[in-house]
Amino acid sequence: MFLDVPLIAYFGPPGTFTEMALDQALAQYEARAGAGLDTTDEVRRVPMGSPAAAIAMVRAGDADYACVPIESSLEGSVPVTMDALVPTSTAGRVQVFAETVLDIAFTIAAATDLAPDAVHTIAAYPVAEAQVRTSIAQLFPNARFVLAASNAAAAEDVAAGRADAAVTTGLAADLSGLRALAEGVSDATDAVTRFVIVGPPAPPPSRTGTDRTGVILELSNEPGSLMAAMNEFASRGVDLTRIESRPRREVEHGRSNAGEYRFFLDAVGHIDDDAVAEALAALHRTCARLVFLGSWPADRPNGSLPPDHGESRAWLAAMRRGGADHDQRGGEQS
């Protein structure tokens, strides 16, 4: 996928977990493809101020791909990324082609060595703050959080004197010339964040057998519509690993559509899996709107694989040829 890619936008500035995730995603691709990809010389990166801005670069044709966070194991989905994935009348569809999962622990850094009770303000990106609140209360009892635009921007805020310390990454702390007051800080030792590589619409990566498929649903406002949509997956044995709702706002038209929601779903499997394809086709017939976000290899698979319909397809093919049918399951077919 990345061999002909000159430019990838990512949620920056340099030193964020997103840049680390991009490095990891490129290394994973190189390992799978055996392509000998030189990520220093062949891939150019441009940091953007938000996940939405990175995705907008792709939509405008100014970047080939974008790397953005989509889900935290502690805080759930990243709302700004979810909203940016929704196509509008002025912003076309984008598609997920890869993902990577990063273990998350933070560095608390300051411009100089400070005693814990001397730290009064700690700059933090909201998603990061939510993952360290308990730990910070124990480590720095006099501190209060102040808003930062990103994990790397938190370090820059400290370097500029706008906060005493930062919830950041070790890389960003080094880039800003800060000293670590604490490392490996997280309220959960197994905290992870999932990041995705987003590009313009194209054929999905080939099925691997450990894949994930994402869609956005907009449903008619009538009783049972969500249950009916979920049943298209359940009745076919397709496992859903994420169901999220977001307000169905239309910023470009200045409407909030109060009380209306769209749903983001992740399913185990690939669009080339028969059960997944059947569920998507049924949703396309019944939903007010269905947006295909892509099928891609799952970095850390979870959930049950969709059923294999190979035997049923073979039986149908035999019936179309007029073959014998002594046993519909595993018996003689010709």
Protein backbone atom coordinates (compact mmCIF):
# COMPACT_ATOMS: atom_id res chain seq x y z
CA MET A 1 0.00 0.00 0.00
CA PHE A 2 2.70 2.52 0.98
CA LEU A 3 5.24 1.88 -1.78
CA ASP A 4 4.01 4.74 -3.97
CA VAL A 5 3.04 7.10 -1.15
CA PRO A 6 5.06 10.32 -1.00
CA LEU A 7 3.13 12.10 1.78
CA ILE A 8 1.30 11.03 4.95
CA ALA A 9 -0.41 13.56 7.21
CA TYR A 10 -0.63 12.77 10.91
CA PHE A 11 -2.01 14.29 14.09
CA GLY A 12 1.01 16.29 15.26
CA PRO A 13 3.16 18.09 16.12
CA PRO A 14 6.23 15.82 16.03
CA GLY A 15 6.63 13.69 19.12
CA THR A 16 2.98 12.65 19.54
CA PHE A 17 1.83 9.08 20.04
CA THR A 18 0.34 9.37 16.55
CA GLU A 19 3.79 9.85 15.03
CA MET A 20 4.98 6.83 17.00
CA ALA A 21 1.97 4.88 15.72
CA LEU A 22 2.78 5.91 12.15
CA ASP A 23 6.32 4.57 12.59
CA GLN A 24 4.89 1.32 13.93
CA ALA A 25 2.33 1.04 11.11
CA LEU A 26 5.02 1.51 8.46
CA ALA A 27 7.22 -1.10 10.13
CA GLN A 28 4.32 -3.55 10.27
CA TYR A 29 3.59 -2.98 6.60
CA GLU A 30 7.23 -3.51 5.70
CA ALA A 31 7.29 -6.76 7.68
CA ARG A 32 4.13 -8.05 5.96
CA ALA A 33 5.13 -6.99 2.47
CA GLY A 34 8.83 -7.77 2.73
CA ALA A 35 9.28 -4.72 0.55
CA GLY A 36 12.36 -3.25 2.17
CA LEU A 37 10.58 0.09 2.55
CA ASP A 38 12.86 2.91 3.71
CA THR A 39 10.43 4.95 5.77
CA THR A 40 12.93 7.79 6.16
CA ASP A 41 13.59 8.45 2.49
CA GLU A 42 10.45 7.21 0.75
CA VAL A 43 7.68 8.52 3.04
CA ARG A 44 7.31 12.21 3.82
CA ARG A 45 5.25 13.22 6.84
CA VAL A 46 3.37 16.41 7.58
CA PRO A 47 2.07 17.10 11.11
CA MET A 48 -1.42 18.59 11.40
CA GLY A 49 -3.12 20.28 14.33
CA SER A 50 -6.01 17.82 14.66
CA PRO A 51 -7.18 14.44 13.35
CA ALA A 52 -9.82 16.29 11.31
CA ALA A 53 -7.15 18.44 9.66
CA ALA A 54 -5.10 15.36 8.75
CA ILE A 55 -8.13 13.68 7.16
CA ALA A 56 -9.01 16.93 5.37
CA MET A 57 -5.55 16.81 3.74
CA VAL A 58 -6.48 13.45 2.21
CA ARG A 59 -9.86 14.70 1.00
CA ALA A 60 -8.22 17.72 -0.63
CA GLY A 61 -5.66 15.55 -2.40
CA ASP A 62 -2.81 17.23 -0.49
CA ALA A 63 -1.80 13.99 1.27
CA ASP A 64 -2.01 10.38 0.17
CA TYR A 65 -2.88 9.02 3.61
CA ALA A 66 -3.52 10.23 7.14
CA CYS A 67 -2.65 8.55 10.44
CA VAL A 68 -5.10 9.39 13.24
CA PRO A 69 -6.17 7.95 16.62
CA ILE A 70 -9.59 6.33 16.63
CA GLU A 71 -10.07 4.47 19.92
CA SER A 72 -8.64 4.44 23.44
CA SER A 73 -9.09 1.40 25.66
CA LEU A 74 -9.80 3.74 28.59
CA GLU A 75 -11.87 6.53 27.00
CA GLY A 76 -13.45 4.81 24.01
CA SER A 77 -13.62 6.30 20.54
CA VAL A 78 -12.03 9.63 19.62
CA PRO A 79 -15.02 11.86 18.72
CA VAL A 80 -13.14 14.31 16.46
CA THR A 81 -11.85 11.42 14.33
CA MET A 82 -15.27 9.79 14.11
CA ASP A 83 -16.92 13.02 13.00
CA ALA A 84 -14.18 13.67 10.43
CA LEU A 85 -14.76 10.26 8.82
CA VAL A 86 -18.37 11.15 7.92
CA PRO A 87 -18.74 12.15 4.25
CA THR A 88 -20.81 15.27 3.53
CA SER A 89 -21.98 17.13 0.47
CA THR A 90 -18.62 18.92 0.40
CA ALA A 91 -16.35 16.23 1.92
CA GLY A 92 -16.25 12.91 0.10
CA ARG A 93 -15.77 9.42 1.48
CA VAL A 94 -12.43 8.32 2.89
CA GLN A 95 -11.45 4.76 3.72
CA VAL A 96 -9.44 2.91 6.37
CA PHE A 97 -6.66 0.70 4.99
CA ALA A 98 -4.66 -0.29 8.06
CA GLU A 99 -4.54 -0.01 11.82
CA THR A 100 -1.97 -0.28 14.56
CA VAL A 101 -2.38 -0.55 18.33
CA LEU A 102 0.08 1.27 20.59
CA ASP A 103 0.67 0.57 24.28
CA ILE A 104 0.15 3.88 26.04
CA ALA A 105 2.04 5.22 29.05
CA PHE A 106 2.96 8.85 29.58
CA THR A 107 5.97 10.87 30.65
CA ILE A 108 5.40 13.74 33.08
CA ALA A 109 8.02 16.33 32.16
CA ALA A 110 9.08 19.78 33.30
CA ALA A 111 11.64 22.39 32.29
CA THR A 112 13.61 21.81 35.51
CA ASP A 113 13.59 19.28 38.32
CA LEU A 114 10.59 20.07 40.50
CA ALA A 115 9.43 18.60 43.77
CA PRO A 116 5.98 16.98 43.46
CA ASP A 117 4.29 19.61 45.64
CA ALA A 118 5.82 22.41 43.51
CA VAL A 119 3.87 21.31 40.41
CA HIS A 120 0.71 23.41 40.25
CA THR A 121 -0.29 23.24 36.57
CA ILE A 122 0.02 20.27 34.23
CA ALA A 123 -0.66 20.72 30.51
CA ALA A 124 -2.51 17.77 29.00
CA TYR A 125 -4.44 16.83 25.88
CA PRO A 126 -7.98 15.85 27.02
CA VAL A 127 -7.67 12.21 25.93
CA ALA A 128 -4.36 11.95 27.81
CA GLU A 129 -5.76 13.67 30.90
CA ALA A 130 -8.53 11.10 31.10
CA GLN A 131 -5.95 8.30 31.21
CA VAL A 132 -3.83 9.70 34.06
CA ARG A 133 -6.21 11.57 36.41
CA THR A 134 -5.85 9.14 39.32
CA SER A 135 -2.10 8.80 38.92
CA ILE A 136 -1.56 12.57 38.73
CA ALA A 137 -3.63 13.12 41.89
CA GLN A 138 -1.34 10.71 43.72
CA LEU A 139 1.96 11.95 42.24
CA PHE A 140 1.31 15.70 42.20
CA PRO A 141 -1.36 16.50 44.82
CA ASN A 142 -1.30 20.29 44.24
CA ALA A 143 -1.62 20.14 40.46
CA ARG A 144 -4.53 21.06 38.23
CA PHE A 145 -4.82 20.30 34.53
CA VAL A 146 -4.65 22.95 31.81
CA LEU A 147 -5.71 22.25 28.24
CA ALA A 148 -3.12 21.39 25.57
CA ALA A 149 -3.72 20.86 21.86
CA SER A 150 -1.86 17.52 21.76
CA ASN A 151 0.58 15.44 23.80
CA ALA A 152 3.50 17.10 22.02
CA ALA A 153 1.93 20.55 22.35
CA ALA A 154 1.76 19.96 26.11
CA ALA A 155 5.55 19.70 26.16
CA GLU A 156 5.82 22.85 24.06
CA ASP A 157 3.54 24.67 26.52
CA VAL A 158 5.92 23.81 29.35
CA ALA A 159 8.95 24.91 27.35
CA ALA A 160 7.18 28.24 26.73
CA GLY A 161 6.41 28.68 30.44
CA ARG A 162 2.64 28.23 30.14
CA ALA A 163 2.54 25.27 32.57
CA ASP A 164 4.77 23.71 35.21
CA ALA A 165 4.69 20.20 33.75
CA ALA A 166 3.24 18.24 30.86
CA VAL A 167 1.55 14.92 30.28
CA THR A 168 3.46 13.97 27.16
CA THR A 169 5.63 11.40 25.43
CA GLY A 170 9.30 10.76 26.08
CA LEU A 171 10.07 11.78 22.49
CA ALA A 172 8.21 15.09 22.80
CA ALA A 173 9.88 15.81 26.13
CA ASP A 174 13.29 15.32 24.52
CA LEU A 175 12.38 17.49 21.53
CA SER A 176 11.33 20.31 23.86
CA GLY A 177 14.37 19.98 26.13
CA LEU A 178 12.37 18.90 29.20
CA ARG A 179 13.29 16.68 32.13
CA ALA A 180 11.19 13.67 33.12
CA LEU A 181 9.60 13.89 36.55
CA ALA A 182 7.84 10.53 36.16
CA GLU A 183 7.70 7.91 33.41
CA GLY A 184 5.35 5.09 32.51
CA VAL A 185 2.38 6.95 34.01
CA SER A 186 -1.08 5.53 33.32
CA ASP A 187 -4.16 4.71 35.35
CA ALA A 188 -4.21 1.27 33.70
CA THR A 189 -1.14 -0.84 33.03
CA ASP A 190 -2.70 -2.35 29.90
CA ALA A 191 -3.89 0.93 28.32
CA VAL A 192 -3.72 1.01 24.51
CA THR A 193 -4.85 3.31 21.71
CA ARG A 194 -5.80 2.17 18.22
CA PHE A 195 -4.73 4.27 15.25
CA VAL A 196 -5.87 3.99 11.62
CA ILE A 197 -4.37 4.83 8.25
CA VAL A 198 -6.99 6.63 6.13
CA GLY A 199 -6.86 7.28 2.39
CA PRO A 200 -9.10 8.02 -0.58
CA PRO A 201 -11.49 5.23 -1.65
CA ALA A 202 -9.80 2.25 -3.29
CA PRO A 203 -10.08 -1.57 -3.28
CA PRO A 204 -9.56 -2.82 0.30
CA PRO A 205 -6.42 -4.75 1.24
CA SER A 206 -6.75 -8.46 0.54
CA ARG A 207 -8.54 -10.62 3.08
CA THR A 208 -6.16 -12.04 5.70
CA GLY A 209 -8.57 -14.05 7.88
CA THR A 210 -8.06 -11.66 10.83
CA ASP A 211 -9.73 -8.55 9.50
CA ARG A 212 -11.97 -5.73 10.64
CA THR A 213 -14.75 -3.99 8.68
CA GLY A 214 -16.14 -0.58 9.60
CA VAL A 215 -19.36 1.16 8.55
CA ILE A 216 -21.41 4.22 9.44
CA LEU A 217 -25.19 3.79 9.63
CA GLU A 218 -27.91 6.40 9.44
CA LEU A 219 -31.29 4.85 10.24
CA SER A 220 -34.91 5.80 9.79
CA ASN A 221 -36.39 7.27 12.97
CA GLU A 222 -38.83 4.47 13.65
CA PRO A 223 -39.19 1.77 16.32
CA GLY A 224 -36.86 -1.20 15.91
CA SER A 225 -34.64 0.28 13.20
CA LEU A 226 -31.41 -0.12 15.20
CA MET A 227 -32.33 -3.62 16.35
CA ALA A 228 -33.13 -4.61 12.76
CA ALA A 229 -29.75 -3.31 11.61
CA MET A 230 -27.89 -5.20 14.35
CA ASN A 231 -29.81 -8.34 13.44
CA GLU A 232 -28.41 -8.26 9.90
CA PHE A 233 -25.05 -9.07 11.50
CA ALA A 234 -26.29 -11.31 14.32
CA SER A 235 -28.43 -13.53 12.10
CA ARG A 236 -25.39 -14.22 9.90
CA GLY A 237 -23.00 -14.94 12.77
CA VAL A 238 -20.98 -11.74 12.29
CA ASP A 239 -19.44 -10.46 15.53
CA LEU A 240 -19.62 -6.72 16.25
CA THR A 241 -16.71 -5.42 18.33
CA ARG A 242 -17.68 -1.74 18.49
CA ILE A 243 -21.01 0.11 18.40
CA GLU A 244 -20.85 3.88 18.93
CA SER A 245 -23.35 6.66 18.37
CA ARG A 246 -22.59 10.29 17.51
CA PRO A 247 -24.95 13.25 17.04
CA ARG A 248 -26.07 13.49 13.44
CA ARG A 249 -24.99 17.08 13.01
CA GLU A 250 -24.52 18.82 9.67
CA VAL A 251 -21.98 21.55 10.31
CA GLU A 252 -21.83 22.65 6.67
CA HIS A 253 -25.58 23.41 6.78
CA GLY A 254 -25.53 24.88 10.29
CA ARG A 255 -27.83 22.17 11.69
CA SER A 256 -27.42 20.08 14.84
CA ASN A 257 -30.37 17.71 14.14
CA ALA A 258 -31.09 17.41 17.87
CA GLY A 259 -32.16 13.91 18.88
CA GLU A 260 -30.82 12.26 15.72
CA TYR A 261 -27.77 10.00 15.72
CA ARG A 262 -25.53 8.06 13.37
CA PHE A 263 -23.93 4.78 14.38
CA PHE A 264 -20.36 3.59 13.89
CA LEU A 265 -19.90 -0.18 13.78
CA ASP A 266 -16.83 -2.41 13.63
CA ALA A 267 -17.35 -6.04 12.65
CA VAL A 268 -15.00 -9.00 12.67
CA GLY A 269 -14.31 -10.05 9.08
CA HIS A 270 -13.74 -8.69 5.60
CA ILE A 271 -16.09 -7.52 2.86
CA ASP A 272 -14.88 -10.59 0.93
CA ASP A 273 -16.26 -12.86 3.70
CA ASP A 274 -19.67 -14.06 2.50
CA ALA A 275 -21.43 -13.41 5.82
CA VAL A 276 -20.07 -9.86 6.08
CA ALA A 277 -20.90 -9.12 2.45
CA GLU A 278 -24.47 -10.40 2.90
CA ALA A 279 -24.95 -8.23 6.00
CA LEU A 280 -23.66 -5.12 4.20
CA ALA A 281 -25.87 -5.77 1.18
CA ALA A 282 -28.92 -6.14 3.44
CA LEU A 283 -28.07 -2.91 5.27
CA HIS A 284 -27.69 -1.09 1.96
CA ARG A 285 -31.24 -2.13 1.08
CA THR A 286 -32.78 -1.00 4.36
CA CYS A 287 -30.73 1.83 5.92
CA ALA A 288 -31.34 5.48 5.18
CA ARG A 289 -27.58 5.72 4.56
CA LEU A 290 -24.70 3.27 4.69
CA VAL A 291 -21.07 4.44 4.53
CA PHE A 292 -18.37 1.80 4.01
CA LEU A 293 -15.30 2.76 6.05
CA GLY A 294 -13.24 -0.16 4.78
CA SER A 295 -11.98 -3.66 5.50
CA TRP A 296 -8.43 -3.98 6.77
CA PRO A 297 -6.14 -6.32 8.77
CA ALA A 298 -6.76 -6.12 12.52
CA ASP A 299 -3.57 -5.44 14.50
CA ARG A 300 -4.84 -7.21 17.63
CA PRO A 301 -7.82 -9.34 16.57
CA ASN A 302 -10.71 -9.85 18.95
CA GLY A 303 -14.12 -11.42 18.59
CA SER A 304 -15.32 -14.49 16.69
CA LEU A 305 -14.55 -15.00 13.02
CA PRO A 306 -17.53 -14.99 10.62
CA PRO A 307 -18.77 -18.38 9.45
CA ASP A 308 -17.25 -19.97 6.36
CA HIS A 309 -19.86 -20.26 3.60
CA GLY A 310 -17.61 -22.21 1.24
CA GLU A 311 -19.62 -25.42 1.57
CA SER A 312 -22.89 -23.61 0.90
CA ARG A 313 -21.41 -21.87 -2.15
CA ALA A 314 -20.16 -25.20 -3.48
CA TRP A 315 -23.62 -26.71 -3.02
CA LEU A 316 -25.27 -23.79 -4.85
CA ALA A 317 -22.77 -24.08 -7.69
CA ALA A 318 -23.51 -27.79 -7.96
CA MET A 319 -27.27 -27.14 -8.06
CA ARG A 320 -26.83 -24.56 -10.80
CA ARG A 321 -24.94 -27.14 -12.82
CA GLY A 322 -27.72 -29.66 -12.28
CA GLY A 323 -25.56 -31.94 -10.10
CA ALA A 324 -26.79 -34.73 -7.82
CA ASP A 325 -27.66 -33.84 -4.24
CA HIS A 326 -27.56 -36.90 -1.98
CA ASP A 327 -26.58 -34.83 1.06
CA GLN A 328 -26.76 -31.08 1.26
CA ARG A 329 -23.93 -31.00 3.80
CA GLY A 330 -20.80 -32.86 2.81
CA GLY A 331 -22.52 -35.60 0.77
CA GLU A 332 -22.08 -36.48 -2.89
CA GLN A 333 -22.33 -33.56 -5.29
CA SER A 334 -21.42 -33.69 -8.93
